Amino acid sequence: MGSPALRPALLLPPLLLLLLLRVPPSRGFPDTPWCSPIKVKYGDVYCRAPPGGYYKTALGTRCDIRCRKGYELHGSSQLVCQSNKRWSDKVICKQKRCPTLAMPANGGFKCVDGAYFNSRCEYYCSPGYTLKGERTVTCMDNKAWSGQPASCVDMEPPRIKCPSVKERIAEPNKLTVRVSWETPEGRDTADGILTDVILKGLPPGSNFPEGDHKIQYTVYDRAENKGVCKFRVKVRVRRCGKLNAPENGYMKCSSDGDNYGATCEFSCIGGYELQGSPARVCQSNLAWSGTEPTCAGMCAALSLANSRS
């Protein structure tokens, strides 16, 4: 007979004895909790126990990791519960981040929550510049910004203010007036730089003839926006009523013949004698001096003189 100490072991069922001998002491059963439960912040865990197992942390359990919208997985997307009671990898769900926006020239942007998922950034432009593109962009789930990057463009025309020139009156015996004014200076609201200043009309300091004269200044900035200002120079010549040469006579006038200060001289053809004023001047009250001249035949003039005597 065998030793009495071995008798209890011989009493075990053969199948259970075989199972105990085949399973190492460091291994767990499929229906026994083995690894710690998985918790992933901002993520969801979907586990499948091994065949015949009950617990989703048993040896051989496989777990799929999915991050929530706006987050991305760092690590393996599937974990396995290993014999060392550890999962096959460490994972984390990090918030997605879009690339840093480029700063627009002559402008900038302000963001809420930086460049992370669902963050909104609003563009703005410096004074004198206009925003081109979408004012607000959002960091999307694909780690790209919604819309196209905005830019700041100079679309505002430069400003220019023309002088105010009062009506000018020509001096006596003159038909023009010398008119001067300060050349207007344009101002660009963006960068302050003007490329061209173009004058249409007579320049300041010119002698302006009688009439209504249009003056126009046009300025351009570097973006080829233009600003325009216009004004008028009005010159008036004071005039008396038109005179006519006497019948059978001549009239010779200075200047324009009827303007203030002009002098008209009268004469008669042969055989006729001038009666009345030989010269008349257009006065400041716009009336002619003297009396209207006539040319009388000399015989008639002599008869008239004899009859009077």
C-alpha atoms as a PDB file:
ATOM      1  CA  MET A   1       0.000   0.000   0.000  1.00  0.00           C
ATOM      2  CA  GLY A   2       1.098   3.563  -0.586  1.00  0.00           C
ATOM      3  CA  SER A   3       1.933   6.085   2.001  1.00  0.00           C
ATOM      4  CA  PRO A   4      -1.036   7.382   4.024  1.00  0.00           C
ATOM      5  CA  ALA A   5      -0.011  11.026   3.202  1.00  0.00           C
ATOM      6  CA  LEU A   6      -0.787  10.447  -0.450  1.00  0.00           C
ATOM      7  CA  ARG A   7      -4.191   8.966   0.059  1.00  0.00           C
ATOM      8  CA  PRO A   8      -6.224  12.342   0.067  1.00  0.00           C
ATOM      9  CA  ALA A   9      -4.729  13.367  -3.284  1.00  0.00           C
ATOM     10  CA  LEU A  10      -5.640  10.020  -4.784  1.00  0.00           C
ATOM     11  CA  LEU A  11      -9.229  10.605  -3.732  1.00  0.00           C
ATOM     12  CA  LEU A  12      -9.583  13.768  -6.016  1.00  0.00           C
ATOM     13  CA  PRO A  13     -11.539  13.307  -9.255  1.00  0.00           C
ATOM     14  CA  PRO A  14      -9.110  12.719 -12.149  1.00  0.00           C
ATOM     15  CA  LEU A  15     -10.566  15.610 -14.317  1.00  0.00           C
ATOM     16  CA  LEU A  16     -10.193  18.257 -11.585  1.00  0.00           C
ATOM     17  CA  LEU A  17      -6.714  17.047 -10.793  1.00  0.00           C
ATOM     18  CA  LEU A  18      -5.724  17.384 -14.449  1.00  0.00           C
ATOM     19  CA  LEU A  19      -7.096  20.977 -14.631  1.00  0.00           C
ATOM     20  CA  LEU A  20      -5.198  22.055 -11.533  1.00  0.00           C
ATOM     21  CA  LEU A  21      -1.984  20.683 -12.956  1.00  0.00           C
ATOM     22  CA  ARG A  22      -2.411  22.493 -16.360  1.00  0.00           C
ATOM     23  CA  VAL A  23      -3.264  26.042 -15.053  1.00  0.00           C
ATOM     24  CA  PRO A  24      -0.262  27.962 -13.713  1.00  0.00           C
ATOM     25  CA  PRO A  25      -0.794  29.797 -10.440  1.00  0.00           C
ATOM     26  CA  SER A  26      -0.247  33.193 -12.232  1.00  0.00           C
ATOM     27  CA  ARG A  27      -3.108  32.719 -14.719  1.00  0.00           C
ATOM     28  CA  GLY A  28      -6.783  33.555 -14.087  1.00  0.00           C
ATOM     29  CA  PHE A  29      -9.925  31.896 -15.238  1.00  0.00           C
ATOM     30  CA  PRO A  30     -11.998  33.438 -18.059  1.00  0.00           C
ATOM     31  CA  ASP A  31     -14.874  34.018 -15.673  1.00  0.00           C
ATOM     32  CA  THR A  32     -12.754  35.708 -13.018  1.00  0.00           C
ATOM     33  CA  PRO A  33     -12.068  39.516 -12.807  1.00  0.00           C
ATOM     34  CA  TRP A  34      -8.425  39.966 -13.659  1.00  0.00           C
ATOM     35  CA  CYS A  35      -7.525  43.480 -14.949  1.00  0.00           C
ATOM     36  CA  SER A  36      -8.739  46.749 -13.480  1.00  0.00           C
ATOM     37  CA  PRO A  37     -11.784  48.348 -15.157  1.00  0.00           C
ATOM     38  CA  ILE A  38     -10.895  50.761 -17.944  1.00  0.00           C
ATOM     39  CA  LYS A  39     -11.933  54.394 -17.628  1.00  0.00           C
ATOM     40  CA  VAL A  40     -11.099  56.836 -20.405  1.00  0.00           C
ATOM     41  CA  LYS A  41     -11.920  60.500 -19.868  1.00  0.00           C
ATOM     42  CA  TYR A  42     -13.791  61.962 -22.875  1.00  0.00           C
ATOM     43  CA  GLY A  43     -14.026  58.465 -24.349  1.00  0.00           C
ATOM     44  CA  ASP A  44     -16.214  55.370 -24.384  1.00  0.00           C
ATOM     45  CA  VAL A  45     -15.090  51.777 -23.753  1.00  0.00           C
ATOM     46  CA  TYR A  46     -16.686  48.741 -25.418  1.00  0.00           C
ATOM     47  CA  CYS A  47     -15.401  45.405 -24.005  1.00  0.00           C
ATOM     48  CA  ARG A  48     -15.943  41.786 -25.068  1.00  0.00           C
ATOM     49  CA  ALA A  49     -15.230  39.004 -22.578  1.00  0.00           C
ATOM     50  CA  PRO A  50     -13.431  35.900 -23.905  1.00  0.00           C
ATOM     51  CA  PRO A  51     -15.529  32.849 -24.842  1.00  0.00           C
ATOM     52  CA  GLY A  52     -17.057  31.318 -21.740  1.00  0.00           C
ATOM     53  CA  GLY A  53     -16.218  34.369 -19.692  1.00  0.00           C
ATOM     54  CA  TYR A  54     -18.579  36.591 -17.784  1.00  0.00           C
ATOM     55  CA  TYR A  55     -16.579  39.539 -16.521  1.00  0.00           C
ATOM     56  CA  LYS A  56     -15.396  42.225 -18.977  1.00  0.00           C
ATOM     57  CA  THR A  57     -12.135  42.530 -17.099  1.00  0.00           C
ATOM     58  CA  ALA A  58     -11.271  38.848 -17.280  1.00  0.00           C
ATOM     59  CA  LEU A  59      -8.067  37.529 -18.755  1.00  0.00           C
ATOM     60  CA  GLY A  60      -8.178  37.843 -22.560  1.00  0.00           C
ATOM     61  CA  THR A  61     -10.915  40.497 -22.606  1.00  0.00           C
ATOM     62  CA  ARG A  62     -10.670  42.865 -25.575  1.00  0.00           C
ATOM     63  CA  CYS A  63     -11.853  46.458 -25.263  1.00  0.00           C
ATOM     64  CA  ASP A  64     -12.366  48.966 -28.090  1.00  0.00           C
ATOM     65  CA  ILE A  65     -11.735  52.609 -27.234  1.00  0.00           C
ATOM     66  CA  ARG A  66     -13.584  55.423 -28.974  1.00  0.00           C
ATOM     67  CA  CYS A  67     -13.103  59.082 -28.200  1.00  0.00           C
ATOM     68  CA  ARG A  68     -16.005  61.466 -28.186  1.00  0.00           C
ATOM     69  CA  LYS A  69     -16.498  64.174 -30.800  1.00  0.00           C
ATOM     70  CA  GLY A  70     -13.784  66.774 -30.644  1.00  0.00           C
ATOM     71  CA  TYR A  71     -11.247  64.399 -29.098  1.00  0.00           C
ATOM     72  CA  GLU A  72      -8.694  62.072 -30.638  1.00  0.00           C
ATOM     73  CA  LEU A  73      -7.173  58.841 -29.350  1.00  0.00           C
ATOM     74  CA  HIS A  74      -3.548  58.650 -28.310  1.00  0.00           C
ATOM     75  CA  GLY A  75      -2.582  54.992 -28.008  1.00  0.00           C
ATOM     76  CA  SER A  76      -4.040  51.724 -29.300  1.00  0.00           C
ATOM     77  CA  SER A  77      -7.712  51.633 -30.260  1.00  0.00           C
ATOM     78  CA  GLN A  78      -8.043  48.096 -28.805  1.00  0.00           C
ATOM     79  CA  LEU A  79      -6.757  46.894 -25.438  1.00  0.00           C
ATOM     80  CA  VAL A  80      -6.326  43.304 -24.235  1.00  0.00           C
ATOM     81  CA  CYS A  81      -6.304  42.154 -20.616  1.00  0.00           C
ATOM     82  CA  GLN A  82      -2.968  40.366 -20.215  1.00  0.00           C
ATOM     83  CA  SER A  83      -1.721  37.689 -17.827  1.00  0.00           C
ATOM     84  CA  ASN A  84       0.241  40.296 -15.847  1.00  0.00           C
ATOM     85  CA  LYS A  85      -3.087  41.899 -14.893  1.00  0.00           C
ATOM     86  CA  ARG A  86      -2.298  44.902 -17.075  1.00  0.00           C
ATOM     87  CA  TRP A  87      -3.960  46.140 -20.208  1.00  0.00           C
ATOM     88  CA  SER A  88      -1.872  45.963 -23.357  1.00  0.00           C
ATOM     89  CA  ASP A  89      -1.532  49.779 -23.720  1.00  0.00           C
ATOM     90  CA  LYS A  90      -2.250  53.101 -22.059  1.00  0.00           C
ATOM     91  CA  VAL A  91      -4.666  55.385 -23.876  1.00  0.00           C
ATOM     92  CA  ILE A  92      -5.933  58.932 -23.526  1.00  0.00           C
ATOM     93  CA  CYS A  93      -8.446  61.080 -25.411  1.00  0.00           C
ATOM     94  CA  LYS A  94      -7.015  64.509 -26.085  1.00  0.00           C
ATOM     95  CA  GLN A  95      -8.999  67.471 -27.303  1.00  0.00           C
ATOM     96  CA  LYS A  96      -8.467  68.085 -31.004  1.00  0.00           C
ATOM     97  CA  ARG A  97      -6.624  71.222 -31.986  1.00  0.00           C
ATOM     98  CA  CYS A  98      -6.602  73.174 -35.246  1.00  0.00           C
ATOM     99  CA  PRO A  99      -3.447  74.784 -36.661  1.00  0.00           C
ATOM    100  CA  THR A 100      -2.690  78.258 -35.390  1.00  0.00           C
ATOM    101  CA  LEU A 101      -4.334  80.861 -37.602  1.00  0.00           C
ATOM    102  CA  ALA A 102      -2.100  83.152 -39.622  1.00  0.00           C
ATOM    103  CA  MET A 103      -2.268  86.763 -38.527  1.00  0.00           C
ATOM    104  CA  PRO A 104      -3.739  88.842 -41.380  1.00  0.00           C
ATOM    105  CA  ALA A 105      -1.705  91.823 -42.508  1.00  0.00           C
ATOM    106  CA  ASN A 106      -3.158  95.067 -41.162  1.00  0.00           C
ATOM    107  CA  GLY A 107      -5.440  93.179 -38.808  1.00  0.00           C
ATOM    108  CA  GLY A 108      -5.686  90.368 -36.296  1.00  0.00           C
ATOM    109  CA  PHE A 109      -8.047  87.893 -34.635  1.00  0.00           C
ATOM    110  CA  LYS A 110      -9.444  87.038 -31.220  1.00  0.00           C
ATOM    111  CA  CYS A 111     -10.254  83.471 -30.188  1.00  0.00           C
ATOM    112  CA  VAL A 112     -12.383  81.849 -27.510  1.00  0.00           C
ATOM    113  CA  ASP A 113     -10.682  78.748 -26.047  1.00  0.00           C
ATOM    114  CA  GLY A 114      -7.586  79.029 -28.207  1.00  0.00           C
ATOM    115  CA  ALA A 115      -7.430  76.746 -31.231  1.00  0.00           C
ATOM    116  CA  TYR A 116      -9.155  73.715 -29.710  1.00  0.00           C
ATOM    117  CA  PHE A 117     -12.203  71.958 -31.117  1.00  0.00           C
ATOM    118  CA  ASN A 118     -15.296  74.142 -31.323  1.00  0.00           C
ATOM    119  CA  SER A 119     -13.266  77.254 -30.566  1.00  0.00           C
ATOM    120  CA  ARG A 120     -14.399  80.365 -32.444  1.00  0.00           C
ATOM    121  CA  CYS A 121     -12.060  83.038 -33.735  1.00  0.00           C
ATOM    122  CA  GLU A 122     -13.140  86.436 -35.012  1.00  0.00           C
ATOM    123  CA  TYR A 123     -11.043  88.505 -37.416  1.00  0.00           C
ATOM    124  CA  TYR A 124     -10.726  92.283 -37.261  1.00  0.00           C
ATOM    125  CA  CYS A 125      -8.943  94.899 -39.374  1.00  0.00           C
ATOM    126  CA  SER A 126      -7.015  98.053 -38.606  1.00  0.00           C
ATOM    127  CA  PRO A 127      -8.682 101.424 -39.304  1.00  0.00           C
ATOM    128  CA  GLY A 128      -8.899 102.119 -43.026  1.00  0.00           C
ATOM    129  CA  TYR A 129      -9.011  98.434 -43.980  1.00  0.00           C
ATOM    130  CA  THR A 130     -12.007  96.254 -44.825  1.00  0.00           C
ATOM    131  CA  LEU A 131     -12.345  92.575 -43.947  1.00  0.00           C
ATOM    132  CA  LYS A 132     -12.491  90.247 -46.942  1.00  0.00           C
ATOM    133  CA  GLY A 133     -13.696  86.721 -46.225  1.00  0.00           C
ATOM    134  CA  GLU A 134     -15.509  85.189 -43.276  1.00  0.00           C
ATOM    135  CA  ARG A 135     -15.376  87.238 -40.100  1.00  0.00           C
ATOM    136  CA  THR A 136     -15.781  84.223 -37.795  1.00  0.00           C
ATOM    137  CA  VAL A 137     -14.238  80.744 -38.168  1.00  0.00           C
ATOM    138  CA  THR A 138     -14.688  77.637 -36.006  1.00  0.00           C
ATOM    139  CA  CYS A 139     -12.297  74.762 -35.273  1.00  0.00           C
ATOM    140  CA  MET A 140     -14.047  71.668 -36.640  1.00  0.00           C
ATOM    141  CA  ASP A 141     -13.829  67.969 -35.776  1.00  0.00           C
ATOM    142  CA  ASN A 142     -11.475  67.337 -38.723  1.00  0.00           C
ATOM    143  CA  LYS A 143      -8.957  69.734 -37.129  1.00  0.00           C
ATOM    144  CA  ALA A 144      -9.523  72.332 -39.861  1.00  0.00           C
ATOM    145  CA  TRP A 145     -10.974  75.813 -39.612  1.00  0.00           C
ATOM    146  CA  SER A 146     -14.327  76.478 -41.203  1.00  0.00           C
ATOM    147  CA  GLY A 147     -14.206  78.840 -44.178  1.00  0.00           C
ATOM    148  CA  GLN A 148     -11.238  80.486 -45.826  1.00  0.00           C
ATOM    149  CA  PRO A 149      -8.734  82.661 -43.945  1.00  0.00           C
ATOM    150  CA  ALA A 150      -9.811  86.285 -43.959  1.00  0.00           C
ATOM    151  CA  SER A 151      -7.675  89.178 -45.150  1.00  0.00           C
ATOM    152  CA  CYS A 152      -7.711  92.925 -44.627  1.00  0.00           C
ATOM    153  CA  VAL A 153      -7.742  94.998 -47.787  1.00  0.00           C
ATOM    154  CA  ASP A 154      -7.623  98.726 -48.343  1.00  0.00           C
ATOM    155  CA  MET A 155     -10.945  99.494 -50.007  1.00  0.00           C
ATOM    156  CA  GLU A 156     -11.615 102.881 -48.467  1.00  0.00           C
ATOM    157  CA  PRO A 157     -10.829 105.806 -50.768  1.00  0.00           C
ATOM    158  CA  PRO A 158      -8.448 108.492 -49.555  1.00  0.00           C
ATOM    159  CA  ARG A 159     -10.005 111.666 -48.265  1.00  0.00           C
ATOM    160  CA  ILE A 160      -9.437 115.060 -49.824  1.00  0.00           C
ATOM    161  CA  LYS A 161     -11.115 118.379 -49.085  1.00  0.00           C
ATOM    162  CA  CYS A 162     -11.133 121.138 -51.667  1.00  0.00           C
ATOM    163  CA  PRO A 163     -10.906 124.845 -50.802  1.00  0.00           C
ATOM    164  CA  SER A 164     -13.831 127.198 -51.026  1.00  0.00           C
ATOM    165  CA  VAL A 165     -13.131 129.934 -53.581  1.00  0.00           C
ATOM    166  CA  LYS A 166     -15.460 132.935 -53.681  1.00  0.00           C
ATOM    167  CA  GLU A 167     -16.570 134.696 -56.831  1.00  0.00           C
ATOM    168  CA  ARG A 168     -13.940 137.064 -58.180  1.00  0.00           C
ATOM    169  CA  ILE A 169     -14.583 140.319 -60.046  1.00  0.00           C
ATOM    170  CA  ALA A 170     -12.176 141.641 -62.639  1.00  0.00           C
ATOM    171  CA  GLU A 171     -10.472 144.960 -61.979  1.00  0.00           C
ATOM    172  CA  PRO A 172     -11.196 148.000 -64.176  1.00  0.00           C
ATOM    173  CA  ASN A 173     -10.128 147.581 -67.787  1.00  0.00           C
ATOM    174  CA  LYS A 174      -9.209 143.911 -67.205  1.00  0.00           C
ATOM    175  CA  LEU A 175     -10.874 140.746 -68.413  1.00  0.00           C
ATOM    176  CA  THR A 176      -9.104 138.188 -66.194  1.00  0.00           C
ATOM    177  CA  VAL A 177      -8.524 137.667 -62.495  1.00  0.00           C
ATOM    178  CA  ARG A 178      -5.513 135.992 -60.922  1.00  0.00           C
ATOM    179  CA  VAL A 179      -6.904 133.379 -58.533  1.00  0.00           C
ATOM    180  CA  SER A 180      -4.830 131.434 -55.997  1.00  0.00           C
ATOM    181  CA  TRP A 181      -5.634 128.798 -53.383  1.00  0.00           C
ATOM    182  CA  GLU A 182      -3.803 126.309 -51.244  1.00  0.00           C
ATOM    183  CA  THR A 183      -3.375 122.974 -52.943  1.00  0.00           C
ATOM    184  CA  PRO A 184      -5.549 120.459 -51.062  1.00  0.00           C
ATOM    185  CA  GLU A 185      -3.767 117.583 -49.366  1.00  0.00           C
ATOM    186  CA  GLY A 186      -5.301 114.139 -49.473  1.00  0.00           C
ATOM    187  CA  ARG A 187      -5.156 111.727 -46.564  1.00  0.00           C
ATOM    188  CA  ASP A 188      -5.238 107.952 -46.814  1.00  0.00           C
ATOM    189  CA  THR A 189      -7.075 106.333 -43.938  1.00  0.00           C
ATOM    190  CA  ALA A 190      -5.102 103.080 -44.214  1.00  0.00           C
ATOM    191  CA  ASP A 191      -1.335 103.572 -44.394  1.00  0.00           C
ATOM    192  CA  GLY A 192      -1.321 107.327 -45.050  1.00  0.00           C
ATOM    193  CA  ILE A 193       0.539 106.977 -48.352  1.00  0.00           C
ATOM    194  CA  LEU A 194      -0.730 108.596 -51.562  1.00  0.00           C
ATOM    195  CA  THR A 195       0.776 107.722 -54.928  1.00  0.00           C
ATOM    196  CA  ASP A 196      -0.696 110.354 -57.264  1.00  0.00           C
ATOM    197  CA  VAL A 197      -2.392 113.743 -57.083  1.00  0.00           C
ATOM    198  CA  ILE A 198      -3.961 114.797 -60.382  1.00  0.00           C
ATOM    199  CA  LEU A 199      -5.331 118.266 -61.152  1.00  0.00           C
ATOM    200  CA  LYS A 200      -7.933 118.824 -63.817  1.00  0.00           C
ATOM    201  CA  GLY A 201      -8.295 122.500 -64.692  1.00  0.00           C
ATOM    202  CA  LEU A 202      -6.135 125.600 -64.339  1.00  0.00           C
ATOM    203  CA  PRO A 203      -3.610 125.483 -61.497  1.00  0.00           C
ATOM    204  CA  PRO A 204      -3.691 127.983 -58.630  1.00  0.00           C
ATOM    205  CA  GLY A 205      -2.144 131.349 -59.451  1.00  0.00           C
ATOM    206  CA  SER A 206      -3.497 131.342 -63.021  1.00  0.00           C
ATOM    207  CA  ASN A 207      -5.329 134.220 -64.666  1.00  0.00           C
ATOM    208  CA  PHE A 208      -8.908 133.067 -65.038  1.00  0.00           C
ATOM    209  CA  PRO A 209     -11.054 134.627 -67.764  1.00  0.00           C
ATOM    210  CA  GLU A 210     -14.671 135.532 -67.305  1.00  0.00           C
ATOM    211  CA  GLY A 211     -16.908 132.549 -66.683  1.00  0.00           C
ATOM    212  CA  ASP A 212     -17.444 129.475 -64.510  1.00  0.00           C
ATOM    213  CA  HIS A 213     -14.386 127.196 -64.270  1.00  0.00           C
ATOM    214  CA  LYS A 214     -14.450 123.630 -62.915  1.00  0.00           C
ATOM    215  CA  ILE A 215     -11.479 122.479 -60.865  1.00  0.00           C
ATOM    216  CA  GLN A 216     -11.021 118.848 -59.835  1.00  0.00           C
ATOM    217  CA  TYR A 217      -8.384 117.125 -57.710  1.00  0.00           C
ATOM    218  CA  THR A 218      -8.034 113.322 -57.747  1.00  0.00           C
ATOM    219  CA  VAL A 219      -5.790 111.413 -55.341  1.00  0.00           C
ATOM    220  CA  TYR A 220      -4.857 107.701 -55.392  1.00  0.00           C
ATOM    221  CA  ASP A 221      -3.550 105.440 -52.653  1.00  0.00           C
ATOM    222  CA  ARG A 222      -1.362 102.365 -53.030  1.00  0.00           C
ATOM    223  CA  ALA A 223      -4.421 100.130 -53.430  1.00  0.00           C
ATOM    224  CA  GLU A 224      -5.516 102.312 -56.376  1.00  0.00           C
ATOM    225  CA  ASN A 225      -8.521 103.651 -54.503  1.00  0.00           C
ATOM    226  CA  LYS A 226      -9.258 107.214 -55.498  1.00  0.00           C
ATOM    227  CA  GLY A 227     -10.664 110.233 -53.758  1.00  0.00           C
ATOM    228  CA  VAL A 228     -12.083 113.201 -55.652  1.00  0.00           C
ATOM    229  CA  CYS A 229     -13.000 116.747 -54.725  1.00  0.00           C
ATOM    230  CA  LYS A 230     -14.413 119.428 -56.998  1.00  0.00           C
ATOM    231  CA  PHE A 231     -14.971 123.157 -56.786  1.00  0.00           C
ATOM    232  CA  ARG A 232     -15.632 126.091 -59.102  1.00  0.00           C
ATOM    233  CA  VAL A 233     -13.831 129.332 -59.783  1.00  0.00           C
ATOM    234  CA  LYS A 234     -16.276 131.968 -60.972  1.00  0.00           C
ATOM    235  CA  VAL A 235     -14.949 135.166 -62.540  1.00  0.00           C
ATOM    236  CA  ARG A 236     -17.263 138.055 -63.368  1.00  0.00           C
ATOM    237  CA  VAL A 237     -16.518 141.067 -65.542  1.00  0.00           C
ATOM    238  CA  ARG A 238     -18.738 144.060 -64.876  1.00  0.00           C
ATOM    239  CA  ARG A 239     -20.058 145.508 -68.103  1.00  0.00           C
ATOM    240  CA  CYS A 240     -21.968 148.487 -69.404  1.00  0.00           C
ATOM    241  CA  GLY A 241     -24.476 148.210 -72.213  1.00  0.00           C
ATOM    242  CA  LYS A 242     -23.039 147.737 -75.700  1.00  0.00           C
ATOM    243  CA  LEU A 243     -22.335 150.925 -77.720  1.00  0.00           C
ATOM    244  CA  ASN A 244     -22.659 151.255 -81.457  1.00  0.00           C
ATOM    245  CA  ALA A 245     -20.728 153.422 -83.867  1.00  0.00           C
ATOM    246  CA  PRO A 246     -22.684 156.501 -85.001  1.00  0.00           C
ATOM    247  CA  GLU A 247     -24.127 156.485 -88.475  1.00  0.00           C
ATOM    248  CA  ASN A 248     -21.490 157.717 -90.927  1.00  0.00           C
ATOM    249  CA  GLY A 249     -18.879 157.346 -88.234  1.00  0.00           C
ATOM    250  CA  TYR A 250     -16.466 155.054 -86.467  1.00  0.00           C
ATOM    251  CA  MET A 251     -16.018 153.705 -82.927  1.00  0.00           C
ATOM    252  CA  LYS A 252     -12.774 152.415 -81.428  1.00  0.00           C
ATOM    253  CA  CYS A 253     -12.792 150.893 -77.942  1.00  0.00           C
ATOM    254  CA  SER A 254     -10.150 149.669 -75.507  1.00  0.00           C
ATOM    255  CA  SER A 255     -10.213 146.314 -73.708  1.00  0.00           C
ATOM    256  CA  ASP A 256     -13.383 144.370 -74.510  1.00  0.00           C
ATOM    257  CA  GLY A 257     -15.376 147.428 -75.487  1.00  0.00           C
ATOM    258  CA  ASP A 258     -18.024 147.311 -72.783  1.00  0.00           C
ATOM    259  CA  ASN A 259     -16.278 146.209 -69.581  1.00  0.00           C
ATOM    260  CA  TYR A 260     -15.792 148.430 -66.585  1.00  0.00           C
ATOM    261  CA  GLY A 261     -12.955 150.881 -67.351  1.00  0.00           C
ATOM    262  CA  ALA A 262     -13.144 150.476 -71.136  1.00  0.00           C
ATOM    263  CA  THR A 263     -13.010 153.686 -73.250  1.00  0.00           C
ATOM    264  CA  CYS A 264     -14.704 154.109 -76.607  1.00  0.00           C
ATOM    265  CA  GLU A 265     -13.676 156.918 -78.975  1.00  0.00           C
ATOM    266  CA  PHE A 266     -15.842 158.146 -81.853  1.00  0.00           C
ATOM    267  CA  SER A 267     -15.080 159.797 -85.202  1.00  0.00           C
ATOM    268  CA  CYS A 268     -16.937 160.586 -88.424  1.00  0.00           C
ATOM    269  CA  ILE A 269     -16.224 159.968 -92.086  1.00  0.00           C
ATOM    270  CA  GLY A 270     -15.301 162.835 -94.394  1.00  0.00           C
ATOM    271  CA  GLY A 271     -17.967 165.486 -94.844  1.00  0.00           C
ATOM    272  CA  TYR A 272     -19.434 164.776 -91.440  1.00  0.00           C
ATOM    273  CA  GLU A 273     -18.867 166.444 -88.132  1.00  0.00           C
ATOM    274  CA  LEU A 274     -19.062 164.709 -84.747  1.00  0.00           C
ATOM    275  CA  GLN A 275     -21.623 166.059 -82.370  1.00  0.00           C
ATOM    276  CA  GLY A 276     -21.796 164.815 -78.766  1.00  0.00           C
ATOM    277  CA  SER A 277     -19.071 163.164 -76.658  1.00  0.00           C
ATOM    278  CA  PRO A 278     -15.969 162.183 -78.662  1.00  0.00           C
ATOM    279  CA  ALA A 279     -15.130 159.526 -75.986  1.00  0.00           C
ATOM    280  CA  ARG A 280     -17.131 157.643 -73.401  1.00  0.00           C
ATOM    281  CA  VAL A 281     -15.964 155.536 -70.431  1.00  0.00           C
ATOM    282  CA  CYS A 282     -17.752 152.580 -68.789  1.00  0.00           C
ATOM    283  CA  GLN A 283     -18.050 153.697 -65.180  1.00  0.00           C
ATOM    284  CA  SER A 284     -18.317 151.779 -61.896  1.00  0.00           C
ATOM    285  CA  ASN A 285     -22.077 152.257 -61.875  1.00  0.00           C
ATOM    286  CA  LEU A 286     -22.072 150.437 -65.225  1.00  0.00           C
ATOM    287  CA  ALA A 287     -23.247 153.545 -67.071  1.00  0.00           C
ATOM    288  CA  TRP A 288     -21.387 155.271 -69.881  1.00  0.00           C
ATOM    289  CA  SER A 289     -20.018 158.745 -69.306  1.00  0.00           C
ATOM    290  CA  GLY A 290     -20.927 161.630 -71.654  1.00  0.00           C
ATOM    291  CA  THR A 291     -23.657 161.711 -74.276  1.00  0.00           C
ATOM    292  CA  GLU A 292     -24.369 159.637 -77.325  1.00  0.00           C
ATOM    293  CA  PRO A 293     -22.433 160.990 -80.357  1.00  0.00           C
ATOM    294  CA  THR A 294     -23.793 161.541 -83.868  1.00  0.00           C
ATOM    295  CA  CYS A 295     -22.246 162.400 -87.207  1.00  0.00           C
ATOM    296  CA  ALA A 296     -23.939 165.309 -89.026  1.00  0.00           C
ATOM    297  CA  GLY A 297     -23.188 166.480 -92.559  1.00  0.00           C
ATOM    298  CA  MET A 298     -21.121 169.651 -92.620  1.00  0.00           C
ATOM    299  CA  CYS A 299     -23.630 171.584 -94.848  1.00  0.00           C
ATOM    300  CA  ALA A 300     -26.465 170.664 -92.557  1.00  0.00           C
ATOM    301  CA  ALA A 301     -24.363 171.605 -89.633  1.00  0.00           C
ATOM    302  CA  LEU A 302     -23.520 174.986 -91.214  1.00  0.00           C
ATOM    303  CA  SER A 303     -27.195 175.700 -92.027  1.00  0.00           C
ATOM    304  CA  LEU A 304     -28.145 174.806 -88.521  1.00  0.00           C
ATOM    305  CA  ALA A 305     -25.505 177.152 -87.167  1.00  0.00           C
ATOM    306  CA  ASN A 306     -26.637 180.036 -89.422  1.00  0.00           C
ATOM    307  CA  SER A 307     -30.265 179.575 -88.465  1.00  0.00           C
ATOM    308  CA  ARG A 308     -29.315 179.771 -84.848  1.00  0.00           C
ATOM    309  CA  SER A 309     -27.380 182.970 -85.417  1.00  0.00           C
END
